[in-house]
Protein backbone atom coordinates (compact mmCIF):
# COMPACT_ATOMS: atom_id res chain seq x y z
CA UNK A 1 200.31 42.92 -7.97
CA UNK A 2 196.90 41.30 -7.51
CA UNK A 3 194.67 43.76 -5.66
CA UNK A 4 191.92 41.12 -5.27
CA UNK A 5 194.05 39.17 -2.78
CA UNK A 6 193.62 40.38 0.79
CA UNK A 7 196.54 40.42 3.25
CA UNK A 8 194.02 39.03 5.77
CA UNK A 9 193.46 35.87 3.76
CA UNK A 10 195.28 32.73 4.97
CA UNK A 11 198.65 32.65 3.17
CA UNK A 12 201.43 30.92 5.14
CA UNK A 13 201.72 27.47 6.67
CA UNK A 14 202.38 27.92 10.42
CA UNK A 15 205.48 25.69 10.32
CA UNK A 16 207.45 28.71 9.09
CA UNK A 17 206.27 30.84 12.00
CA UNK A 18 207.23 28.00 14.33
CA UNK A 19 210.72 27.89 12.83
CA UNK A 20 211.09 31.62 13.43
CA UNK A 21 209.91 31.16 17.01
CA UNK A 22 212.41 28.31 17.45
CA UNK A 23 215.22 30.57 16.25
CA UNK A 24 214.18 33.16 18.82
CA UNK A 25 214.04 30.54 21.56
CA UNK A 26 217.59 29.52 20.67
CA UNK A 27 218.61 33.13 21.22
CA UNK A 28 217.22 33.01 24.75
CA UNK A 29 213.81 34.66 24.37
CA UNK A 30 210.81 33.07 26.08
CA UNK A 31 207.30 32.54 24.73
CA UNK A 32 205.84 35.66 26.31
CA UNK A 33 208.63 37.87 24.94
CA UNK A 34 208.35 36.42 21.44
CA UNK A 35 204.60 36.86 21.08
CA UNK A 36 204.15 40.15 22.93
CA UNK A 37 201.90 42.40 20.85
CA UNK A 38 201.48 39.88 18.02
CA UNK A 39 198.01 38.65 18.94
CA UNK A 40 199.20 35.06 18.49
CA UNK A 41 198.74 32.26 20.99
CA UNK A 42 201.75 29.98 21.53
CA UNK A 43 199.76 26.78 22.04
CA UNK A 44 197.50 27.40 19.07
CA UNK A 45 200.41 28.39 16.83
CA UNK A 46 202.21 25.14 17.61
CA UNK A 47 199.22 22.82 17.40
CA UNK A 48 196.91 24.30 14.75
CA UNK A 49 197.89 23.78 11.11
CA UNK A 50 195.56 26.43 9.75
CA UNK A 51 197.44 28.93 7.58
CA UNK A 52 198.38 32.29 9.05
CA UNK A 53 197.44 35.48 7.26
CA UNK A 54 199.97 38.08 6.20
CA UNK A 55 199.02 40.50 8.96
CA UNK A 56 199.88 37.87 11.59
CA UNK A 57 203.16 37.07 9.85
CA UNK A 58 204.01 40.76 9.63
CA UNK A 59 203.51 41.27 13.37
CA UNK A 60 205.61 38.22 14.25
CA UNK A 61 208.45 39.23 11.93
CA UNK A 62 208.46 42.79 13.23
CA UNK A 63 208.64 41.46 16.76
CA UNK A 64 211.46 39.05 15.88
CA UNK A 65 213.59 41.79 14.32
CA UNK A 66 212.84 44.09 17.23
CA UNK A 67 213.99 41.47 19.75
CA UNK A 68 217.13 40.39 17.92
CA UNK A 69 218.13 43.63 16.20
CA UNK A 70 219.12 41.26 13.37
CA UNK A 71 217.52 42.45 10.10
CA UNK A 72 219.04 39.49 8.19
CA UNK A 73 217.35 36.99 10.54
CA UNK A 74 215.14 35.68 7.70
CA UNK A 75 218.22 34.71 5.71
CA UNK A 76 219.62 32.74 8.64
CA UNK A 77 216.31 30.99 9.30
CA UNK A 78 215.91 30.09 5.61
CA UNK A 79 219.40 28.64 5.36
CA UNK A 80 218.74 26.52 8.46
CA UNK A 81 215.36 25.18 7.32
CA UNK A 82 215.19 21.43 6.70
CA UNK A 83 213.45 20.29 3.50
CA UNK A 84 211.05 18.20 5.60
CA UNK A 85 209.52 21.46 6.89
CA UNK A 86 207.88 21.93 3.49
CA UNK A 87 205.67 18.88 3.95
CA UNK A 88 204.34 17.10 0.82
CA UNK A 89 205.85 19.81 -1.40
CA UNK A 90 209.29 19.15 0.04
CA UNK A 91 208.89 15.37 -0.19
CA UNK A 92 207.76 15.63 -3.82
CA UNK A 93 210.72 17.86 -4.66
CA UNK A 94 213.24 15.53 -3.01
CA UNK A 95 211.88 12.47 -4.81
CA UNK A 96 212.00 14.00 -8.32
CA UNK A 97 214.37 12.48 -10.84
CA UNK A 98 216.30 15.68 -11.52
CA UNK A 99 216.50 19.39 -10.76
CA UNK A 100 214.13 20.20 -13.62
CA UNK A 101 211.41 18.23 -11.84
CA UNK A 102 212.22 19.93 -8.55
CA UNK A 103 211.67 23.38 -10.04
CA UNK A 104 208.42 22.27 -11.65
CA UNK A 105 207.16 21.06 -8.27
CA UNK A 106 208.05 24.38 -6.63
CA UNK A 107 206.40 26.45 -9.35
CA UNK A 108 203.19 24.45 -9.25
CA UNK A 109 202.77 23.72 -5.56
CA UNK A 110 204.51 26.50 -3.59
CA UNK A 111 201.06 28.08 -3.19
CA UNK A 112 200.28 25.28 -0.71
CA UNK A 113 202.89 26.66 1.70
CA UNK A 114 203.04 30.38 0.81
CA UNK A 115 200.28 31.93 -1.29
CA UNK A 116 201.33 35.59 -1.04
CA UNK A 117 203.89 35.06 -3.83
CA UNK A 118 203.41 33.60 -7.31
CA UNK A 119 206.37 31.69 -8.77
CA UNK A 120 207.03 31.66 -12.52
CA UNK A 121 209.85 29.82 -14.32
CA UNK A 122 211.24 30.87 -17.69
CA UNK A 123 214.32 30.65 -19.93
CA UNK A 124 216.67 33.59 -20.18
CA UNK A 125 219.53 32.91 -22.56
CA UNK A 126 221.60 30.07 -21.16
CA UNK A 127 219.99 30.28 -17.75
CA UNK A 128 216.73 29.20 -16.12
CA UNK A 129 215.06 31.76 -13.89
CA UNK A 130 212.37 31.53 -11.24
CA UNK A 131 210.80 34.82 -10.26
CA UNK A 132 208.40 35.60 -7.43
CA UNK A 133 205.68 38.22 -7.86
CA UNK A 134 203.91 39.63 -4.82
CA UNK A 135 200.15 39.13 -4.67
CA UNK A 136 200.02 42.23 -2.46
CA UNK A 137 202.53 44.68 -1.01
CA UNK A 138 204.74 42.90 1.54
CA UNK A 139 205.70 46.23 3.05
CA UNK A 140 208.34 46.35 5.77
CA UNK A 141 208.69 42.56 6.00
CA UNK A 142 209.49 42.10 2.30
CA UNK A 143 213.20 41.67 3.01
CA UNK A 144 212.63 39.09 5.72
CA UNK A 145 210.25 36.99 3.62
CA UNK A 146 212.32 37.08 0.43
CA UNK A 147 215.57 36.44 2.28
CA UNK A 148 213.98 33.45 4.00
CA UNK A 149 212.86 32.09 0.62
CA UNK A 150 216.35 32.57 -0.84
CA UNK A 151 217.96 30.66 2.03
CA UNK A 152 215.33 27.94 1.82
CA UNK A 153 215.86 27.57 -1.93
CA UNK A 154 219.62 27.21 -1.51
CA UNK A 155 219.14 24.59 1.21
CA UNK A 156 216.74 22.64 -1.05
CA UNK A 157 219.19 22.69 -3.97
CA UNK A 158 221.94 21.35 -1.74
CA UNK A 159 219.67 18.59 -0.40
CA UNK A 160 218.72 17.51 -3.92
CA UNK A 161 222.04 17.89 -5.75
CA UNK A 162 224.69 17.94 -3.05
CA UNK A 163 227.49 20.49 -3.11
CA UNK A 164 226.96 23.15 -5.76
CA UNK A 165 229.21 25.88 -7.21
CA UNK A 166 227.15 28.63 -5.58
CA UNK A 167 229.08 31.20 -7.58
CA UNK A 168 226.93 30.23 -10.57
CA UNK A 169 223.68 31.00 -8.75
CA UNK A 170 222.20 34.48 -9.04
CA UNK A 171 219.76 35.99 -6.58
CA UNK A 172 218.06 39.33 -7.19
CA UNK A 173 216.13 41.27 -4.55
CA UNK A 174 213.65 44.13 -5.12
CA UNK A 175 215.10 46.45 -2.49
CA UNK A 176 218.23 48.55 -2.17
CA UNK A 177 221.33 46.88 -0.80
CA UNK A 178 221.18 47.14 2.99
CA UNK A 179 224.14 47.87 5.23
CA UNK A 180 224.30 44.14 5.94
CA UNK A 181 224.49 43.16 2.25
CA UNK A 182 227.73 41.27 2.94
CA UNK A 183 225.68 38.75 4.96
CA UNK A 184 223.75 37.85 1.80
CA UNK A 185 226.93 37.11 -0.15
CA UNK A 186 228.37 35.22 2.79
CA UNK A 187 225.37 32.87 2.95
CA UNK A 188 224.12 32.80 -0.67
CA UNK A 189 227.34 33.28 -2.62
CA UNK A 190 228.68 36.18 -4.68
CA UNK A 191 225.84 36.26 -7.22
CA UNK A 192 223.57 38.56 -5.20
CA UNK A 193 222.10 41.73 -6.68
CA UNK A 194 219.81 44.35 -5.19
CA UNK A 195 217.41 47.04 -6.51
CA UNK A 196 215.89 44.57 -9.01
CA UNK A 197 212.32 44.68 -10.32
CA UNK A 198 211.39 41.54 -8.41
CA UNK A 199 212.86 38.65 -6.46
CA UNK A 200 214.35 35.95 -8.68
CA UNK A 201 216.88 33.15 -8.65
CA UNK A 202 218.60 31.84 -11.76
CA UNK A 203 220.94 28.98 -12.54
CA UNK A 204 222.71 27.53 -15.61
CA UNK A 205 220.45 25.54 -17.94
CA UNK A 206 222.83 22.59 -17.72
CA UNK A 207 221.92 22.22 -14.05
CA UNK A 208 218.35 21.21 -14.91
CA UNK A 209 219.51 17.73 -15.85
CA UNK A 210 221.40 17.16 -12.60
CA UNK A 211 220.05 13.92 -11.06
CA UNK A 212 218.54 14.10 -7.61
CA UNK A 213 220.44 12.34 -4.84
CA UNK A 214 217.14 11.16 -3.38
CA UNK A 215 215.22 10.30 -6.57
CA UNK A 216 212.43 7.83 -5.84
CA UNK A 217 209.75 7.38 -8.55
CA UNK A 218 207.24 5.67 -6.25
CA UNK A 219 207.64 8.21 -3.46
CA UNK A 220 207.38 11.01 -6.04
CA UNK A 221 204.06 9.65 -7.33
CA UNK A 222 202.62 9.45 -3.81
CA UNK A 223 203.82 12.94 -2.82
CA UNK A 224 202.66 14.50 -6.10
CA UNK A 225 199.24 12.90 -5.71
CA UNK A 226 198.98 14.40 -2.23
CA UNK A 227 200.04 17.83 -3.56
CA UNK A 228 197.51 17.69 -6.39
CA UNK A 229 194.77 16.75 -3.93
CA UNK A 230 195.64 19.71 -1.71
CA UNK A 231 195.85 22.04 -4.70
CA UNK A 232 192.39 20.97 -5.82
CA UNK A 233 191.09 21.79 -2.36
CA UNK A 234 192.62 25.28 -2.56
CA UNK A 235 191.03 25.92 -5.95
CA UNK A 236 187.65 24.76 -4.67
CA UNK A 237 187.77 27.23 -1.81
CA UNK A 238 189.65 25.24 0.79
CA UNK A 239 188.25 23.42 3.80
CA UNK A 240 185.12 24.61 5.60
CA UNK A 241 187.13 26.62 8.12
CA UNK A 242 188.84 28.56 5.33
CA UNK A 243 185.57 29.09 3.46
CA UNK A 244 183.93 30.56 6.54
CA UNK A 245 187.00 32.71 7.28
CA UNK A 246 187.01 34.19 3.79
CA UNK A 247 183.25 34.79 3.89
CA UNK A 248 183.53 36.64 7.20
CA UNK A 249 186.50 38.69 5.99
CA UNK A 250 184.33 40.03 3.16
CA UNK A 251 181.63 41.26 5.57
CA UNK A 252 183.36 44.08 7.49
CA UNK A 253 180.83 44.57 10.25
CA UNK A 254 177.63 43.03 8.89
CA UNK A 255 178.32 39.46 9.85
CA UNK A 256 175.80 36.71 9.14
CA UNK A 257 174.52 34.47 11.91
CA UNK A 258 175.51 30.83 11.88
CA UNK A 259 172.07 29.96 10.52
CA UNK A 260 172.32 32.52 7.72
CA UNK A 261 175.77 31.25 6.81
CA UNK A 262 174.51 27.66 6.71
CA UNK A 263 171.71 28.75 4.38
CA UNK A 264 174.25 30.34 2.03
CA UNK A 265 176.07 27.02 1.77
CA UNK A 266 172.78 25.10 1.39
CA UNK A 267 173.49 23.22 4.61
CA UNK A 268 171.60 22.77 7.84
CA UNK A 269 173.01 24.66 10.80
CA UNK A 270 173.81 21.37 12.50
CA UNK A 271 175.75 20.12 9.46
CA UNK A 272 177.87 23.28 9.28
CA UNK A 273 178.59 23.04 13.01
CA UNK A 274 179.69 19.41 12.59
CA UNK A 275 181.93 20.16 9.59
CA UNK A 276 183.67 22.98 11.42
CA UNK A 277 184.00 20.85 14.56
CA UNK A 278 185.58 18.04 12.53
CA UNK A 279 188.25 20.56 11.49
CA UNK A 280 188.78 21.69 15.08
CA UNK A 281 187.01 25.05 14.84
CA UNK A 282 183.65 26.70 15.40
CA UNK A 283 181.77 29.72 14.10
CA UNK A 284 182.23 31.98 17.13
CA UNK A 285 185.95 31.27 17.26
CA UNK A 286 186.33 32.14 13.58
CA UNK A 287 184.24 35.30 13.96
CA UNK A 288 186.40 36.45 16.89
CA UNK A 289 189.59 35.75 14.93
CA UNK A 290 188.37 37.64 11.87
CA UNK A 291 187.30 40.62 13.97
CA UNK A 292 190.63 40.63 15.79
CA UNK A 293 192.65 40.52 12.58
CA UNK A 294 190.56 43.20 10.91
CA UNK A 295 190.81 45.42 14.00
CA UNK A 296 194.62 45.09 14.06
CA UNK A 297 194.87 45.74 10.33
CA UNK A 298 192.67 48.84 10.42
CA UNK A 299 194.49 50.29 13.43
CA UNK A 300 197.88 49.79 11.79
CA UNK A 301 197.10 50.59 8.15
CA UNK A 302 194.39 53.27 8.24
CA UNK A 303 193.90 56.61 10.04
CA UNK A 304 190.50 55.48 11.34
CA UNK A 305 189.76 56.37 14.96
CA UNK A 306 189.19 53.63 17.51
CA UNK A 307 185.51 54.55 17.45
CA UNK A 308 185.39 54.16 13.66
CA UNK A 309 187.21 50.82 13.81
CA UNK A 310 184.75 49.57 16.43
CA UNK A 311 181.83 50.60 14.22
CA UNK A 312 183.45 48.96 11.19
CA UNK A 313 183.59 45.69 13.10
CA UNK A 314 179.97 45.84 14.15
CA UNK A 315 180.47 47.09 17.73
CA UNK A 316 177.92 49.72 18.71
CA UNK A 317 179.70 50.41 22.00
CA UNK A 318 183.34 51.51 21.69
CA UNK A 319 184.06 50.60 25.32
CA UNK A 320 182.89 47.05 24.62
CA UNK A 321 185.25 46.88 21.64
CA UNK A 322 188.14 48.20 23.77
CA UNK A 323 187.51 45.58 26.46
CA UNK A 324 187.39 42.83 23.82
CA UNK A 325 190.58 44.11 22.20
CA UNK A 326 192.34 44.11 25.57
CA UNK A 327 191.28 40.48 26.01
CA UNK A 328 192.68 39.66 22.56
CA UNK A 329 196.08 41.39 22.81
CA UNK A 330 196.48 42.38 26.45
CA UNK A 331 196.45 46.12 25.72
CA UNK A 332 194.11 48.87 24.54
CA UNK A 333 193.63 49.61 20.82
CA UNK A 334 195.55 52.90 21.11
CA UNK A 335 198.43 51.30 23.01
CA UNK A 336 198.69 48.55 20.41
CA UNK A 337 198.54 51.04 17.50
CA UNK A 338 201.23 53.27 19.00
CA UNK A 339 203.50 50.32 19.76
CA UNK A 340 203.18 48.85 16.27
CA UNK A 341 203.72 52.16 14.48
CA UNK A 342 206.90 52.66 16.46
CA UNK A 343 208.31 49.83 14.34
CA UNK A 344 211.17 47.43 14.98
CA UNK A 345 214.38 48.68 16.47
CA UNK A 346 217.37 48.69 14.15
């Protein structure tokens, strides 16, 4: 596990949160019910393509399981996810010549959609395996995330190769078999194992040469070029919004002014304002978001008092912090902490 990766760093494309919200809407829950206590804004979630951080995902998943009392909800959402939801990565995978190319695309570019897991492919006897290693501890939403990935992977295989003998697929999960383990075998096939060292999926080597039903060399070149361009952006630190977010996350209370931040990037203040505006954001908005996420994380994952959390975020007046927190989440810091620690109903 990579301890240098923060669970507050952007890690998940919001399309997957939207799909989870859509599944909850189909079950009859309204927007206010779905997002209660998550700190997420419905309009922003459905219009802003900035990646969510793990803490936001964790709160949304906990809320979803609490509302539905369906701990295998991730598996259902994954199995229902269309390949188009994966954007350029999905298009590149669909257009590959064969399944071998599909797996190569996933291993190289999955970081563009979900960066909290690292995919690695390798040979194991007469089978090809893809394992996922956590960049940080996924905690109580590990099952939901990994089950969603398993369902998504199965759906992608079916889209590329058509009907498959799912009995030859093997899925392993790094948690004990839950009481609802039969749901996994019902949706993924009989080759499901629990209590493994990590999440993995394996298939017969002969499958790698299976031709794709939607192979398109020209479309593949275009989609792969787009993926490579996005990957280069990630390696260079991302867009300006992401750069500023990551810089502010590293501060923990001693936040630079906009002018100081511009100096760090060797830009004029006006230029930094324009670059953020072109991406639909601004410095104060990003600072508020970082403070909110850090406040929620500290309240949930540390024993720090509300006063200590306020000080950690640069608030000299605890009452001012409490008022701001109420504006963010509609409740006091203590009420939010107690509600989150109560956990999802099962």
